[in-house]
């Protein structure tokens, strides 16, 4: 199936949809204890395949100390 657009396409024009204005149905998976090393995102215990996370989706990251608070693609 070909998609008309992806989350990253929408992010360019309406970033607030992934911040303050998101709907609960937009959250496919959540957790804690994730790490970023270079371009690699590792979240122990998270099964992105089971949550149907695919290329073109947006990941919102928020650290407990507030240093990281935003979305990435």
C-alpha atoms as a PDB file:
ATOM      1  CA  UNK A   1       0.000   0.000   0.000  1.00  0.00           C
ATOM      2  CA  UNK A   2       1.358   3.405  -0.932  1.00  0.00           C
ATOM      3  CA  UNK A   3       0.899   6.186   1.574  1.00  0.00           C
ATOM      4  CA  UNK A   4      -0.031   9.690   0.516  1.00  0.00           C
ATOM      5  CA  UNK A   5       2.231  11.102   3.220  1.00  0.00           C
ATOM      6  CA  UNK A   6       4.186  10.043   6.273  1.00  0.00           C
ATOM      7  CA  UNK A   7       4.472  11.497   9.777  1.00  0.00           C
ATOM      8  CA  UNK A   8       7.768  13.152   8.868  1.00  0.00           C
ATOM      9  CA  UNK A   9       6.036  14.990   6.013  1.00  0.00           C
ATOM     10  CA  UNK A  10       3.430  16.399   8.400  1.00  0.00           C
ATOM     11  CA  UNK A  11       6.122  17.237  10.973  1.00  0.00           C
ATOM     12  CA  UNK A  12       7.684  19.728   8.554  1.00  0.00           C
ATOM     13  CA  UNK A  13       4.519  21.849   8.453  1.00  0.00           C
ATOM     14  CA  UNK A  14       2.707  21.131  11.739  1.00  0.00           C
ATOM     15  CA  UNK A  15       5.257  20.171  14.419  1.00  0.00           C
ATOM     16  CA  UNK A  16       2.797  20.982  17.219  1.00  0.00           C
ATOM     17  CA  UNK A  17       0.731  17.928  16.236  1.00  0.00           C
ATOM     18  CA  UNK A  18       3.513  15.805  17.694  1.00  0.00           C
ATOM     19  CA  UNK A  19       4.089  17.949  20.777  1.00  0.00           C
ATOM     20  CA  UNK A  20       1.267  19.556  22.727  1.00  0.00           C
ATOM     21  CA  UNK A  21      -1.638  18.667  20.459  1.00  0.00           C
ATOM     22  CA  UNK A  22      -1.151  14.923  20.007  1.00  0.00           C
ATOM     23  CA  UNK A  23      -4.011  12.458  20.430  1.00  0.00           C
ATOM     24  CA  UNK A  24      -3.698   9.377  22.628  1.00  0.00           C
ATOM     25  CA  UNK A  25      -4.229   7.218  19.538  1.00  0.00           C
ATOM     26  CA  UNK A  26      -1.001   8.631  18.072  1.00  0.00           C
ATOM     27  CA  UNK A  27       1.096   6.993  20.801  1.00  0.00           C
ATOM     28  CA  UNK A  28       1.943   3.496  19.601  1.00  0.00           C
ATOM     29  CA  UNK A  29       4.524   2.680  22.279  1.00  0.00           C
ATOM     30  CA  UNK A  30       6.059   4.355  25.321  1.00  0.00           C
ATOM     31  CA  UNK A  31       8.621   3.454  27.916  1.00  0.00           C
ATOM     32  CA  UNK A  32      11.695   4.508  29.814  1.00  0.00           C
ATOM     33  CA  UNK A  33      15.389   3.710  29.946  1.00  0.00           C
ATOM     34  CA  UNK A  34      16.110   4.352  26.266  1.00  0.00           C
ATOM     35  CA  UNK A  35      19.538   5.417  25.070  1.00  0.00           C
ATOM     36  CA  UNK A  36      20.821   7.297  22.035  1.00  0.00           C
ATOM     37  CA  UNK A  37      24.302   6.561  20.742  1.00  0.00           C
ATOM     38  CA  UNK A  38      25.187   8.426  17.567  1.00  0.00           C
ATOM     39  CA  UNK A  39      22.356   7.624  15.152  1.00  0.00           C
ATOM     40  CA  UNK A  40      21.224   4.520  17.054  1.00  0.00           C
ATOM     41  CA  UNK A  41      18.187   4.568  19.342  1.00  0.00           C
ATOM     42  CA  UNK A  42      17.980   1.631  21.760  1.00  0.00           C
ATOM     43  CA  UNK A  43      14.991   1.066  24.025  1.00  0.00           C
ATOM     44  CA  UNK A  44      15.346  -2.077  26.149  1.00  0.00           C
ATOM     45  CA  UNK A  45      12.100  -3.985  26.438  1.00  0.00           C
ATOM     46  CA  UNK A  46      10.435  -2.080  23.582  1.00  0.00           C
ATOM     47  CA  UNK A  47       9.226  -4.140  20.637  1.00  0.00           C
ATOM     48  CA  UNK A  48       8.948  -1.701  17.749  1.00  0.00           C
ATOM     49  CA  UNK A  49       7.940  -4.450  15.328  1.00  0.00           C
ATOM     50  CA  UNK A  50       4.999  -5.517  17.498  1.00  0.00           C
ATOM     51  CA  UNK A  51       3.935  -1.852  17.825  1.00  0.00           C
ATOM     52  CA  UNK A  52       4.110  -1.570  14.006  1.00  0.00           C
ATOM     53  CA  UNK A  53       6.652   1.262  14.089  1.00  0.00           C
ATOM     54  CA  UNK A  54       7.927   1.809  10.544  1.00  0.00           C
ATOM     55  CA  UNK A  55      10.206   4.155   8.639  1.00  0.00           C
ATOM     56  CA  UNK A  56       8.677   7.607   8.236  1.00  0.00           C
ATOM     57  CA  UNK A  57       7.156   7.721  11.721  1.00  0.00           C
ATOM     58  CA  UNK A  58       8.084  10.332  14.333  1.00  0.00           C
ATOM     59  CA  UNK A  59       9.683   9.499  17.684  1.00  0.00           C
ATOM     60  CA  UNK A  60       9.091  11.932  20.549  1.00  0.00           C
ATOM     61  CA  UNK A  61      11.798  11.828  23.210  1.00  0.00           C
ATOM     62  CA  UNK A  62      11.660  13.389  26.662  1.00  0.00           C
ATOM     63  CA  UNK A  63      14.285  12.993  29.382  1.00  0.00           C
ATOM     64  CA  UNK A  64      13.483  13.192  33.075  1.00  0.00           C
ATOM     65  CA  UNK A  65      15.915  16.098  33.513  1.00  0.00           C
ATOM     66  CA  UNK A  66      14.330  18.072  30.653  1.00  0.00           C
ATOM     67  CA  UNK A  67      17.512  18.259  28.567  1.00  0.00           C
ATOM     68  CA  UNK A  68      15.846  16.271  25.774  1.00  0.00           C
ATOM     69  CA  UNK A  69      12.271  17.263  24.957  1.00  0.00           C
ATOM     70  CA  UNK A  70      11.219  16.995  21.366  1.00  0.00           C
ATOM     71  CA  UNK A  71      10.630  14.864  18.340  1.00  0.00           C
ATOM     72  CA  UNK A  72      12.983  13.246  15.904  1.00  0.00           C
ATOM     73  CA  UNK A  73      12.629  11.274  12.745  1.00  0.00           C
END
